[in-house]
Amino acid sequence: MAKVIGFELNSQEPEKAATFYSAVFGWETGEPHWDYRSVTTGKDAESGINGGIAKGPKDYPHGTRIQIEVESMDDAISKAKEYGAMIVREKMEFDDFFLAYLVDPMGLGFGLIQKKQRGK
């Protein structure tokens, strides 16, 4: 079963958003990396989902997207398309994971993450 492992808050003013969420909720935000700031919403022993604040791209300038971890990015994309999803950003490769953005048939945006296998 795929699970939600994070969130992404998109804003055209990510610095202002980071200040807001840190001040109001006590979230810890990291330094910008690729226009993305990591967000910690609780310590490891506390419940909560961590995520990030990013400068929203043209295809999603404002809003929140959940990040869903899957075992196979290709299988998940194929099945999502079969059930009416649109791919907003094709599978992208990062150091430790693959990431893609889709929109479901109702118009909600979400991300898919597949962790890379260690040692491969």
PDB file of N, CA and C in Angstrom:
ATOM      1  N   MET A   1       0.847  -1.171   0.000  1.00  0.00           N
ATOM      2  CA  MET A   1       0.000   0.000   0.000  1.00  0.00           C
ATOM      3  C   MET A   1       0.895   1.237   0.000  1.00  0.00           C
ATOM      4  N   ALA A   2       0.616   2.155  -0.887  1.00  0.00           N
ATOM      5  CA  ALA A   2       1.376   3.410  -0.939  1.00  0.00           C
ATOM      6  C   ALA A   2       0.927   4.304   0.206  1.00  0.00           C
ATOM      7  N   LYS A   3       1.873   5.062   0.769  1.00  0.00           N
ATOM      8  CA  LYS A   3       1.512   5.920   1.888  1.00  0.00           C
ATOM      9  C   LYS A   3       1.983   7.348   1.645  1.00  0.00           C
ATOM     10  N   VAL A   4       1.287   8.279   2.286  1.00  0.00           N
ATOM     11  CA  VAL A   4       1.664   9.682   2.214  1.00  0.00           C
ATOM     12  C   VAL A   4       2.890   9.870   3.100  1.00  0.00           C
ATOM     13  N   ILE A   5       3.957  10.401   2.529  1.00  0.00           N
ATOM     14  CA  ILE A   5       5.184  10.577   3.307  1.00  0.00           C
ATOM     15  C   ILE A   5       5.590  12.038   3.444  1.00  0.00           C
ATOM     16  N   GLY A   6       4.881  12.935   2.782  1.00  0.00           N
ATOM     17  CA  GLY A   6       5.260  14.336   2.888  1.00  0.00           C
ATOM     18  C   GLY A   6       4.259  15.238   2.202  1.00  0.00           C
ATOM     19  N   PHE A   7       4.555  16.508   2.241  1.00  0.00           N
ATOM     20  CA  PHE A   7       3.732  17.514   1.583  1.00  0.00           C
ATOM     21  C   PHE A   7       4.638  18.567   0.981  1.00  0.00           C
ATOM     22  N   GLU A   8       4.093  19.323   0.065  1.00  0.00           N
ATOM     23  CA  GLU A   8       4.816  20.431  -0.564  1.00  0.00           C
ATOM     24  C   GLU A   8       3.861  21.619  -0.624  1.00  0.00           C
ATOM     25  N   LEU A   9       4.247  22.711   0.001  1.00  0.00           N
ATOM     26  CA  LEU A   9       3.493  23.955  -0.074  1.00  0.00           C
ATOM     27  C   LEU A   9       4.127  24.806  -1.162  1.00  0.00           C
ATOM     28  N   ASN A  10       3.378  25.150  -2.183  1.00  0.00           N
ATOM     29  CA  ASN A  10       3.910  25.966  -3.271  1.00  0.00           C
ATOM     30  C   ASN A  10       3.461  27.410  -3.107  1.00  0.00           C
ATOM     31  N   SER A  11       4.410  28.320  -3.277  1.00  0.00           N
ATOM     32  CA  SER A  11       4.144  29.738  -3.120  1.00  0.00           C
ATOM     33  C   SER A  11       5.046  30.516  -4.063  1.00  0.00           C
ATOM     34  N   GLN A  12       4.600  31.664  -4.492  1.00  0.00           N
ATOM     35  CA  GLN A  12       5.458  32.539  -5.288  1.00  0.00           C
ATOM     36  C   GLN A  12       6.375  33.369  -4.376  1.00  0.00           C
ATOM     37  N   GLU A  13       6.150  33.281  -3.061  1.00  0.00           N
ATOM     38  CA  GLU A  13       6.992  33.950  -2.071  1.00  0.00           C
ATOM     39  C   GLU A  13       7.391  32.941  -0.989  1.00  0.00           C
ATOM     40  N   PRO A  14       8.256  31.971  -1.341  1.00  0.00           N
ATOM     41  CA  PRO A  14       8.579  30.906  -0.397  1.00  0.00           C
ATOM     42  C   PRO A  14       9.255  31.398   0.888  1.00  0.00           C
ATOM     43  N   GLU A  15      10.039  32.478   0.798  1.00  0.00           N
ATOM     44  CA  GLU A  15      10.689  32.998   2.007  1.00  0.00           C
ATOM     45  C   GLU A  15       9.632  33.465   3.002  1.00  0.00           C
ATOM     46  N   LYS A  16       8.642  34.178   2.493  1.00  0.00           N
ATOM     47  CA  LYS A  16       7.553  34.686   3.330  1.00  0.00           C
ATOM     48  C   LYS A  16       6.740  33.523   3.911  1.00  0.00           C
ATOM     49  N   ALA A  17       6.491  32.505   3.107  1.00  0.00           N
ATOM     50  CA  ALA A  17       5.754  31.328   3.577  1.00  0.00           C
ATOM     51  C   ALA A  17       6.537  30.613   4.675  1.00  0.00           C
ATOM     52  N   ALA A  18       7.849  30.462   4.495  1.00  0.00           N
ATOM     53  CA  ALA A  18       8.681  29.796   5.504  1.00  0.00           C
ATOM     54  C   ALA A  18       8.633  30.568   6.817  1.00  0.00           C
ATOM     55  N   THR A  19       8.716  31.880   6.753  1.00  0.00           N
ATOM     56  CA  THR A  19       8.641  32.712   7.963  1.00  0.00           C
ATOM     57  C   THR A  19       7.288  32.541   8.642  1.00  0.00           C
ATOM     58  N   PHE A  20       6.211  32.567   7.862  1.00  0.00           N
ATOM     59  CA  PHE A  20       4.864  32.419   8.398  1.00  0.00           C
ATOM     60  C   PHE A  20       4.703  31.095   9.140  1.00  0.00           C
ATOM     61  N   TYR A  21       5.007  29.973   8.489  1.00  0.00           N
ATOM     62  CA  TYR A  21       4.776  28.661   9.094  1.00  0.00           C
ATOM     63  C   TYR A  21       5.716  28.404  10.276  1.00  0.00           C
ATOM     64  N   SER A  22       6.915  28.959  10.225  1.00  0.00           N
ATOM     65  CA  SER A  22       7.823  28.832  11.372  1.00  0.00           C
ATOM     66  C   SER A  22       7.280  29.599  12.571  1.00  0.00           C
ATOM     67  N   ALA A  23       6.831  30.834  12.335  1.00  0.00           N
ATOM     68  CA  ALA A  23       6.336  31.680  13.424  1.00  0.00           C
ATOM     69  C   ALA A  23       5.024  31.169  14.003  1.00  0.00           C
ATOM     70  N   VAL A  24       4.095  30.778  13.144  1.00  0.00           N
ATOM     71  CA  VAL A  24       2.764  30.391  13.611  1.00  0.00           C
ATOM     72  C   VAL A  24       2.742  28.992  14.213  1.00  0.00           C
ATOM     73  N   PHE A  25       3.428  28.031  13.589  1.00  0.00           N
ATOM     74  CA  PHE A  25       3.339  26.639  14.020  1.00  0.00           C
ATOM     75  C   PHE A  25       4.629  26.078  14.625  1.00  0.00           C
ATOM     76  N   GLY A  26       5.707  26.841  14.605  1.00  0.00           N
ATOM     77  CA  GLY A  26       6.968  26.362  15.156  1.00  0.00           C
ATOM     78  C   GLY A  26       7.701  25.381  14.270  1.00  0.00           C
ATOM     79  N   TRP A  27       7.308  25.299  12.988  1.00  0.00           N
ATOM     80  CA  TRP A  27       7.982  24.381  12.068  1.00  0.00           C
ATOM     81  C   TRP A  27       9.405  24.860  11.819  1.00  0.00           C
ATOM     82  N   GLU A  28      10.311  23.918  11.678  1.00  0.00           N
ATOM     83  CA  GLU A  28      11.698  24.233  11.334  1.00  0.00           C
ATOM     84  C   GLU A  28      11.845  24.146   9.818  1.00  0.00           C
ATOM     85  N   THR A  29      12.384  25.195   9.210  1.00  0.00           N
ATOM     86  CA  THR A  29      12.580  25.184   7.757  1.00  0.00           C
ATOM     87  C   THR A  29      14.070  25.230   7.444  1.00  0.00           C
ATOM     88  N   GLY A  30      14.461  24.466   6.448  1.00  0.00           N
ATOM     89  CA  GLY A  30      15.862  24.409   6.049  1.00  0.00           C
ATOM     90  C   GLY A  30      16.221  25.526   5.092  1.00  0.00           C
ATOM     91  N   GLU A  31      17.481  25.592   4.784  1.00  0.00           N
ATOM     92  CA  GLU A  31      17.972  26.565   3.802  1.00  0.00           C
ATOM     93  C   GLU A  31      17.483  26.168   2.410  1.00  0.00           C
ATOM     94  N   PRO A  32      17.283  27.146   1.531  1.00  0.00           N
ATOM     95  CA  PRO A  32      16.796  26.825   0.183  1.00  0.00           C
ATOM     96  C   PRO A  32      17.789  25.955  -0.598  1.00  0.00           C
ATOM     97  N   HIS A  33      17.234  24.991  -1.302  1.00  0.00           N
ATOM     98  CA  HIS A  33      18.000  24.122  -2.195  1.00  0.00           C
ATOM     99  C   HIS A  33      17.107  23.852  -3.394  1.00  0.00           C
ATOM    100  N   TRP A  34      17.466  24.317  -4.565  1.00  0.00           N
ATOM    101  CA  TRP A  34      16.646  24.213  -5.781  1.00  0.00           C
ATOM    102  C   TRP A  34      15.287  24.882  -5.575  1.00  0.00           C
ATOM    103  N   ASP A  35      15.249  26.041  -4.949  1.00  0.00           N
ATOM    104  CA  ASP A  35      13.998  26.749  -4.643  1.00  0.00           C
ATOM    105  C   ASP A  35      13.064  25.912  -3.774  1.00  0.00           C
ATOM    106  N   TYR A  36      13.627  25.055  -2.943  1.00  0.00           N
ATOM    107  CA  TYR A  36      12.862  24.169  -2.056  1.00  0.00           C
ATOM    108  C   TYR A  36      13.491  24.224  -0.675  1.00  0.00           C
ATOM    109  N   ARG A  37      12.665  24.377   0.345  1.00  0.00           N
ATOM    110  CA  ARG A  37      13.110  24.374   1.734  1.00  0.00           C
ATOM    111  C   ARG A  37      12.460  23.193   2.438  1.00  0.00           C
ATOM    112  N   SER A  38      13.248  22.344   3.062  1.00  0.00           N
ATOM    113  CA  SER A  38      12.656  21.237   3.811  1.00  0.00           C
ATOM    114  C   SER A  38      11.949  21.788   5.046  1.00  0.00           C
ATOM    115  N   VAL A  39      10.916  21.084   5.478  1.00  0.00           N
ATOM    116  CA  VAL A  39      10.130  21.485   6.642  1.00  0.00           C
ATOM    117  C   VAL A  39      10.021  20.305   7.592  1.00  0.00           C
ATOM    118  N   THR A  40      10.328  20.541   8.866  1.00  0.00           N
ATOM    119  CA  THR A  40      10.159  19.542   9.915  1.00  0.00           C
ATOM    120  C   THR A  40       9.023  20.009  10.808  1.00  0.00           C
ATOM    121  N   THR A  41       7.989  19.176  10.919  1.00  0.00           N
ATOM    122  CA  THR A  41       6.815  19.565  11.696  1.00  0.00           C
ATOM    123  C   THR A  41       6.794  18.945  13.091  1.00  0.00           C
ATOM    124  N   GLY A  42       7.741  18.071  13.385  1.00  0.00           N
ATOM    125  CA  GLY A  42       7.816  17.453  14.708  1.00  0.00           C
ATOM    126  C   GLY A  42       9.068  16.611  14.803  1.00  0.00           C
ATOM    127  N   LYS A  43       9.441  16.293  16.010  1.00  0.00           N
ATOM    128  CA  LYS A  43      10.606  15.439  16.232  1.00  0.00           C
ATOM    129  C   LYS A  43      10.247  14.002  15.877  1.00  0.00           C
ATOM    130  N   ASP A  44      11.264  13.154  15.736  1.00  0.00           N
ATOM    131  CA  ASP A  44      11.034  11.769  15.303  1.00  0.00           C
ATOM    132  C   ASP A  44      10.048  11.012  16.188  1.00  0.00           C
ATOM    133  N   ALA A  45      10.028  11.271  17.490  1.00  0.00           N
ATOM    134  CA  ALA A  45       9.138  10.558  18.399  1.00  0.00           C
ATOM    135  C   ALA A  45       7.702  11.084  18.348  1.00  0.00           C
ATOM    136  N   GLU A  46       7.503  12.233  17.704  1.00  0.00           N
ATOM    137  CA  GLU A  46       6.177  12.828  17.610  1.00  0.00           C
ATOM    138  C   GLU A  46       5.531  12.439  16.292  1.00  0.00           C
ATOM    139  N   SER A  47       4.196  12.371  16.296  1.00  0.00           N
ATOM    140  CA  SER A  47       3.517  12.091  15.038  1.00  0.00           C
ATOM    141  C   SER A  47       3.506  13.351  14.184  1.00  0.00           C
ATOM    142  N   GLY A  48       3.396  13.183  12.914  1.00  0.00           N
ATOM    143  CA  GLY A  48       3.389  14.312  11.989  1.00  0.00           C
ATOM    144  C   GLY A  48       4.047  13.925  10.692  1.00  0.00           C
ATOM    145  N   ILE A  49       3.801  14.720   9.688  1.00  0.00           N
ATOM    146  CA  ILE A  49       4.395  14.490   8.375  1.00  0.00           C
ATOM    147  C   ILE A  49       5.259  15.684   8.043  1.00  0.00           C
ATOM    148  N   ASN A  50       6.487  15.436   7.636  1.00  0.00           N
ATOM    149  CA  ASN A  50       7.378  16.512   7.218  1.00  0.00           C
ATOM    150  C   ASN A  50       7.182  16.780   5.731  1.00  0.00           C
ATOM    151  N   GLY A  51       7.720  17.869   5.268  1.00  0.00           N
ATOM    152  CA  GLY A  51       7.543  18.209   3.866  1.00  0.00           C
ATOM    153  C   GLY A  51       8.471  19.309   3.443  1.00  0.00           C
ATOM    154  N   GLY A  52       7.932  20.259   2.666  1.00  0.00           N
ATOM    155  CA  GLY A  52       8.757  21.340   2.174  1.00  0.00           C
ATOM    156  C   GLY A  52       7.934  22.499   1.680  1.00  0.00           C
ATOM    157  N   ILE A  53       8.621  23.617   1.508  1.00  0.00           N
ATOM    158  CA  ILE A  53       8.045  24.824   0.931  1.00  0.00           C
ATOM    159  C   ILE A  53       8.856  25.128  -0.317  1.00  0.00           C
ATOM    160  N   ALA A  54       8.175  25.300  -1.430  1.00  0.00           N
ATOM    161  CA  ALA A  54       8.863  25.510  -2.700  1.00  0.00           C
ATOM    162  C   ALA A  54       8.302  26.719  -3.423  1.00  0.00           C
ATOM    163  N   LYS A  55       9.137  27.296  -4.285  1.00  0.00           N
ATOM    164  CA  LYS A  55       8.623  28.319  -5.189  1.00  0.00           C
ATOM    165  C   LYS A  55       7.785  27.577  -6.216  1.00  0.00           C
ATOM    166  N   GLY A  56       6.505  27.904  -6.263  1.00  0.00           N
ATOM    167  CA  GLY A  56       5.594  27.180  -7.139  1.00  0.00           C
ATOM    168  C   GLY A  56       5.954  27.329  -8.600  1.00  0.00           C
ATOM    169  N   PRO A  57       6.001  26.221  -9.323  1.00  0.00           N
ATOM    170  CA  PRO A  57       6.297  26.260 -10.758  1.00  0.00           C
ATOM    171  C   PRO A  57       5.091  26.771 -11.542  1.00  0.00           C
ATOM    172  N   LYS A  58       5.297  27.033 -12.810  1.00  0.00           N
ATOM    173  CA  LYS A  58       4.212  27.542 -13.674  1.00  0.00           C
ATOM    174  C   LYS A  58       3.005  26.611 -13.674  1.00  0.00           C
ATOM    175  N   ASP A  59       3.251  25.287 -13.601  1.00  0.00           N
ATOM    176  CA  ASP A  59       2.141  24.336 -13.647  1.00  0.00           C
ATOM    177  C   ASP A  59       1.412  24.192 -12.309  1.00  0.00           C
ATOM    178  N   TYR A  60       1.937  24.767 -11.237  1.00  0.00           N
ATOM    179  CA  TYR A  60       1.304  24.688  -9.918  1.00  0.00           C
ATOM    180  C   TYR A  60       1.845  25.819  -9.052  1.00  0.00           C
ATOM    181  N   PRO A  61       1.469  27.075  -9.361  1.00  0.00           N
ATOM    182  CA  PRO A  61       2.084  28.222  -8.698  1.00  0.00           C
ATOM    183  C   PRO A  61       1.727  28.378  -7.220  1.00  0.00           C
ATOM    184  N   HIS A  62       0.531  27.925  -6.799  1.00  0.00           N
ATOM    185  CA  HIS A  62       0.088  28.042  -5.412  1.00  0.00           C
ATOM    186  C   HIS A  62      -0.656  26.777  -5.031  1.00  0.00           C
ATOM    187  N   GLY A  63      -0.504  26.357  -3.797  1.00  0.00           N
ATOM    188  CA  GLY A  63      -1.288  25.224  -3.323  1.00  0.00           C
ATOM    189  C   GLY A  63      -0.446  24.191  -2.609  1.00  0.00           C
ATOM    190  N   THR A  64      -1.109  23.147  -2.158  1.00  0.00           N
ATOM    191  CA  THR A  64      -0.473  22.076  -1.410  1.00  0.00           C
ATOM    192  C   THR A  64      -0.626  20.768  -2.179  1.00  0.00           C
ATOM    193  N   ARG A  65       0.458  20.028  -2.250  1.00  0.00           N
ATOM    194  CA  ARG A  65       0.414  18.691  -2.859  1.00  0.00           C
ATOM    195  C   ARG A  65       0.958  17.696  -1.851  1.00  0.00           C
ATOM    196  N   ILE A  66       0.313  16.552  -1.739  1.00  0.00           N
ATOM    197  CA  ILE A  66       0.877  15.484  -0.918  1.00  0.00           C
ATOM    198  C   ILE A  66       1.887  14.720  -1.758  1.00  0.00           C
ATOM    199  N   GLN A  67       2.788  14.052  -1.094  1.00  0.00           N
ATOM    200  CA  GLN A  67       3.776  13.202  -1.743  1.00  0.00           C
ATOM    201  C   GLN A  67       3.480  11.766  -1.327  1.00  0.00           C
ATOM    202  N   ILE A  68       3.269  10.898  -2.305  1.00  0.00           N
ATOM    203  CA  ILE A  68       2.923   9.501  -2.052  1.00  0.00           C
ATOM    204  C   ILE A  68       4.094   8.621  -2.470  1.00  0.00           C
ATOM    205  N   GLU A  69       4.581   7.818  -1.527  1.00  0.00           N
ATOM    206  CA  GLU A  69       5.691   6.910  -1.821  1.00  0.00           C
ATOM    207  C   GLU A  69       5.155   5.636  -2.448  1.00  0.00           C
ATOM    208  N   VAL A  70       5.750   5.234  -3.571  1.00  0.00           N
ATOM    209  CA  VAL A  70       5.349   4.020  -4.277  1.00  0.00           C
ATOM    210  C   VAL A  70       6.562   3.127  -4.479  1.00  0.00           C
ATOM    211  N   GLU A  71       6.306   1.844  -4.664  1.00  0.00           N
ATOM    212  CA  GLU A  71       7.401   0.906  -4.912  1.00  0.00           C
ATOM    213  C   GLU A  71       7.919   1.023  -6.331  1.00  0.00           C
ATOM    214  N   SER A  72       7.007   1.247  -7.288  1.00  0.00           N
ATOM    215  CA  SER A  72       7.388   1.363  -8.695  1.00  0.00           C
ATOM    216  C   SER A  72       6.737   2.602  -9.297  1.00  0.00           C
ATOM    217  N   MET A  73       7.539   3.576  -9.601  1.00  0.00           N
ATOM    218  CA  MET A  73       7.057   4.816 -10.213  1.00  0.00           C
ATOM    219  C   MET A  73       6.362   4.528 -11.542  1.00  0.00           C
ATOM    220  N   ASP A  74       6.974   3.715 -12.358  1.00  0.00           N
ATOM    221  CA  ASP A  74       6.414   3.425 -13.676  1.00  0.00           C
ATOM    222  C   ASP A  74       5.050   2.742 -13.580  1.00  0.00           C
ATOM    223  N   ASP A  75       4.919   1.764 -12.663  1.00  0.00           N
ATOM    224  CA  ASP A  75       3.637   1.081 -12.486  1.00  0.00           C
ATOM    225  C   ASP A  75       2.566   2.049 -11.978  1.00  0.00           C
ATOM    226  N   ALA A  76       2.935   2.889 -11.003  1.00  0.00           N
ATOM    227  CA  ALA A  76       1.965   3.829 -10.426  1.00  0.00           C
ATOM    228  C   ALA A  76       1.496   4.841 -11.471  1.00  0.00           C
ATOM    229  N   ILE A  77       2.420   5.352 -12.279  1.00  0.00           N
ATOM    230  CA  ILE A  77       2.047   6.312 -13.327  1.00  0.00           C
ATOM    231  C   ILE A  77       1.122   5.648 -14.342  1.00  0.00           C
ATOM    232  N   SER A  78       1.466   4.446 -14.752  1.00  0.00           N
ATOM    233  CA  SER A  78       0.649   3.725 -15.727  1.00  0.00           C
ATOM    234  C   SER A  78      -0.776   3.511 -15.206  1.00  0.00           C
ATOM    235  N   LYS A  79      -0.891   3.065 -13.966  1.00  0.00           N
ATOM    236  CA  LYS A  79      -2.212   2.818 -13.379  1.00  0.00           C
ATOM    237  C   LYS A  79      -2.984   4.123 -13.203  1.00  0.00           C
ATOM    238  N   ALA A  80      -2.297   5.188 -12.760  1.00  0.00           N
ATOM    239  CA  ALA A  80      -2.954   6.485 -12.583  1.00  0.00           C
ATOM    240  C   ALA A  80      -3.494   6.996 -13.916  1.00  0.00           C
ATOM    241  N   LYS A  81      -2.712   6.854 -14.983  1.00  0.00           N
ATOM    242  CA  LYS A  81      -3.174   7.282 -16.310  1.00  0.00           C
ATOM    243  C   LYS A  81      -4.376   6.455 -16.758  1.00  0.00           C
ATOM    244  N   GLU A  82      -4.341   5.160 -16.483  1.00  0.00           N
ATOM    245  CA  GLU A  82      -5.450   4.275 -16.835  1.00  0.00           C
ATOM    246  C   GLU A  82      -6.758   4.735 -16.183  1.00  0.00           C
ATOM    247  N   TYR A  83      -6.646   5.320 -14.988  1.00  0.00           N
ATOM    248  CA  TYR A  83      -7.828   5.785 -14.261  1.00  0.00           C
ATOM    249  C   TYR A  83      -8.077   7.282 -14.428  1.00  0.00           C
ATOM    250  N   GLY A  84      -7.440   7.896 -15.431  1.00  0.00           N
ATOM    251  CA  GLY A  84      -7.772   9.265 -15.798  1.00  0.00           C
ATOM    252  C   GLY A  84      -6.862  10.364 -15.315  1.00  0.00           C
ATOM    253  N   ALA A  85      -5.755  10.050 -14.686  1.00  0.00           N
ATOM    254  CA  ALA A  85      -4.824  11.084 -14.233  1.00  0.00           C
ATOM    255  C   ALA A  85      -4.036  11.657 -15.405  1.00  0.00           C
ATOM    256  N   MET A  86      -3.598  12.893 -15.250  1.00  0.00           N
ATOM    257  CA  MET A  86      -2.716  13.549 -16.224  1.00  0.00           C
ATOM    258  C   MET A  86      -1.337  13.712 -15.591  1.00  0.00           C
ATOM    259  N   ILE A  87      -0.311  13.509 -16.381  1.00  0.00           N
ATOM    260  CA  ILE A  87       1.047  13.740 -15.900  1.00  0.00           C
ATOM    261  C   ILE A  87       1.367  15.216 -16.106  1.00  0.00           C
ATOM    262  N   VAL A  88       1.773  15.868 -15.024  1.00  0.00           N
ATOM    263  CA  VAL A  88       2.141  17.282 -15.085  1.00  0.00           C
ATOM    264  C   VAL A  88       3.645  17.408 -15.299  1.00  0.00           C
ATOM    265  N   ARG A  89       4.409  16.559 -14.599  1.00  0.00           N
ATOM    266  CA  ARG A  89       5.859  16.495 -14.766  1.00  0.00           C
ATOM    267  C   ARG A  89       6.260  15.035 -14.807  1.00  0.00           C
ATOM    268  N   GLU A  90       6.924  14.671 -15.868  1.00  0.00           N
ATOM    269  CA  GLU A  90       7.385  13.287 -16.031  1.00  0.00           C
ATOM    270  C   GLU A  90       8.359  12.925 -14.909  1.00  0.00           C
ATOM    271  N   LYS A  91       8.642  11.673 -14.789  1.00  0.00           N
ATOM    272  CA  LYS A  91       9.572  11.133 -13.795  1.00  0.00           C
ATOM    273  C   LYS A  91      10.906  11.873 -13.866  1.00  0.00           C
ATOM    274  N   MET A  92      11.315  12.440 -12.725  1.00  0.00           N
ATOM    275  CA  MET A  92      12.587  13.158 -12.613  1.00  0.00           C
ATOM    276  C   MET A  92      13.489  12.391 -11.653  1.00  0.00           C
ATOM    277  N   GLU A  93      14.783  12.448 -11.900  1.00  0.00           N
ATOM    278  CA  GLU A  93      15.729  11.742 -11.043  1.00  0.00           C
ATOM    279  C   GLU A  93      16.477  12.712 -10.154  1.00  0.00           C
ATOM    280  N   PHE A  94      16.542  12.385  -8.859  1.00  0.00           N
ATOM    281  CA  PHE A  94      17.321  13.126  -7.884  1.00  0.00           C
ATOM    282  C   PHE A  94      18.318  12.166  -7.250  1.00  0.00           C
ATOM    283  N   ASP A  95      19.127  12.638  -6.322  1.00  0.00           N
ATOM    284  CA  ASP A  95      20.172  11.793  -5.743  1.00  0.00           C
ATOM    285  C   ASP A  95      19.645  10.491  -5.153  1.00  0.00           C
ATOM    286  N   ASP A  96      18.604  10.566  -4.322  1.00  0.00           N
ATOM    287  CA  ASP A  96      18.129   9.393  -3.594  1.00  0.00           C
ATOM    288  C   ASP A  96      16.744   8.902  -3.994  1.00  0.00           C
ATOM    289  N   PHE A  97      16.097   9.576  -4.942  1.00  0.00           N
ATOM    290  CA  PHE A  97      14.720   9.219  -5.274  1.00  0.00           C
ATOM    291  C   PHE A  97      14.351   9.702  -6.670  1.00  0.00           C
ATOM    292  N   PHE A  98      13.214   9.180  -7.142  1.00  0.00           N
ATOM    293  CA  PHE A  98      12.580   9.655  -8.371  1.00  0.00           C
ATOM    294  C   PHE A  98      11.310  10.381  -7.953  1.00  0.00           C
ATOM    295  N   LEU A  99      10.895  11.379  -8.727  1.00  0.00           N
ATOM    296  CA  LEU A  99       9.730  12.191  -8.398  1.00  0.00           C
ATOM    297  C   LEU A  99       8.964  12.509  -9.676  1.00  0.00           C
ATOM    298  N   ALA A 100       7.645  12.453  -9.604  1.00  0.00           N
ATOM    299  CA  ALA A 100       6.778  12.852 -10.721  1.00  0.00           C
ATOM    300  C   ALA A 100       5.570  13.562 -10.130  1.00  0.00           C
ATOM    301  N   TYR A 101       4.967  14.458 -10.923  1.00  0.00           N
ATOM    302  CA  TYR A 101       3.759  15.159 -10.484  1.00  0.00           C
ATOM    303  C   TYR A 101       2.612  14.821 -11.418  1.00  0.00           C
ATOM    304  N   LEU A 102       1.453  14.551 -10.832  1.00  0.00           N
ATOM    305  CA  LEU A 102       0.261  14.210 -11.589  1.00  0.00           C
ATOM    306  C   LEU A 102      -0.917  15.028 -11.077  1.00  0.00           C
ATOM    307  N   VAL A 103      -1.997  15.010 -11.836  1.00  0.00           N
ATOM    308  CA  VAL A 103      -3.263  15.591 -11.421  1.00  0.00           C
ATOM    309  C   VAL A 103      -4.310  14.512 -11.598  1.00  0.00           C
ATOM    310  N   ASP A 104      -5.099  14.279 -10.532  1.00  0.00           N
ATOM    311  CA  ASP A 104      -6.120  13.239 -10.616  1.00  0.00           C
ATOM    312  C   ASP A 104      -7.301  13.715 -11.466  1.00  0.00           C
ATOM    313  N   PRO A 105      -8.257  12.826 -11.794  1.00  0.00           N
ATOM    314  CA  PRO A 105      -9.374  13.208 -12.662  1.00  0.00           C
ATOM    315  C   PRO A 105     -10.254  14.335 -12.109  1.00  0.00           C
ATOM    316  N   MET A 106     -10.153  14.603 -10.783  1.00  0.00           N
ATOM    317  CA  MET A 106     -10.942  15.674 -10.186  1.00  0.00           C
ATOM    318  C   MET A 106     -10.182  16.985 -10.134  1.00  0.00           C
ATOM    319  N   GLY A 107      -8.909  16.981 -10.568  1.00  0.00           N
ATOM    320  CA  GLY A 107      -8.116  18.206 -10.607  1.00  0.00           C
ATOM    321  C   GLY A 107      -7.174  18.421  -9.443  1.00  0.00           C
ATOM    322  N   LEU A 108      -7.033  17.435  -8.552  1.00  0.00           N
ATOM    323  CA  LEU A 108      -6.126  17.565  -7.411  1.00  0.00           C
ATOM    324  C   LEU A 108      -4.714  17.130  -7.794  1.00  0.00           C
ATOM    325  N   GLY A 109      -3.748  17.966  -7.473  1.00  0.00           N
ATOM    326  CA  GLY A 109      -2.360  17.644  -7.770  1.00  0.00           C
ATOM    327  C   GLY A 109      -1.724  16.822  -6.669  1.00  0.00           C
ATOM    328  N   PHE A 110      -0.817  15.914  -7.051  1.00  0.00           N
ATOM    329  CA  PHE A 110      -0.069  15.115  -6.080  1.00  0.00           C
ATOM    330  C   PHE A 110       1.260  14.700  -6.689  1.00  0.00           C
ATOM    331  N   GLY A 111       2.186  14.327  -5.814  1.00  0.00           N
ATOM    332  CA  GLY A 111       3.491  13.857  -6.248  1.00  0.00           C
ATOM    333  C   GLY A 111       3.660  12.388  -5.944  1.00  0.00           C
ATOM    334  N   LEU A 112       4.430  11.705  -6.773  1.00  0.00           N
ATOM    335  CA  LEU A 112       4.814  10.318  -6.531  1.00  0.00           C
ATOM    336  C   LEU A 112       6.308  10.288  -6.283  1.00  0.00           C
ATOM    337  N   ILE A 113       6.720   9.541  -5.273  1.00  0.00           N
ATOM    338  CA  ILE A 113       8.136   9.398  -4.940  1.00  0.00           C
ATOM    339  C   ILE A 113       8.476   7.913  -4.894  1.00  0.00           C
ATOM    340  N   GLN A 114       9.575   7.559  -5.541  1.00  0.00           N
ATOM    341  CA  GLN A 114      10.124   6.204  -5.435  1.00  0.00           C
ATOM    342  C   GLN A 114      11.546   6.339  -4.959  1.00  0.00           C
ATOM    343  N   LYS A 115      11.834   5.777  -3.796  1.00  0.00           N
ATOM    344  CA  LYS A 115      13.208   5.815  -3.278  1.00  0.00           C
ATOM    345  C   LYS A 115      14.081   4.913  -4.124  1.00  0.00           C
ATOM    346  N   LYS A 116      15.339   5.323  -4.302  1.00  0.00           N
ATOM    347  CA  LYS A 116      16.270   4.487  -5.036  1.00  0.00           C
ATOM    348  C   LYS A 116      16.744   3.360  -4.134  1.00  0.00           C
ATOM    349  N   GLN A 117      17.024   2.236  -4.741  1.00  0.00           N
ATOM    350  CA  GLN A 117      17.553   1.097  -3.996  1.00  0.00           C
ATOM    351  C   GLN A 117      18.972   1.397  -3.588  1.00  0.00           C
ATOM    352  N   ARG A 118      19.300   1.076  -2.375  1.00  0.00           N
ATOM    353  CA  ARG A 118      20.671   1.283  -1.873  1.00  0.00           C
ATOM    354  C   ARG A 118      21.621   0.340  -2.607  1.00  0.00           C
ATOM    355  N   GLY A 119      22.797   0.844  -2.935  1.00  0.00           N
ATOM    356  CA  GLY A 119      23.811   0.034  -3.576  1.00  0.00           C
ATOM    357  C   GLY A 119      23.627  -0.177  -5.061  1.00  0.00           C
ATOM    358  N   LYS A 120      22.631   0.478  -5.661  1.00  0.00           N
ATOM    359  CA  LYS A 120      22.406   0.313  -7.098  1.00  0.00           C
ATOM    360  C   LYS A 120      22.735   1.589  -7.809  1.00  0.00           C
TER     361      LYS A 120
END
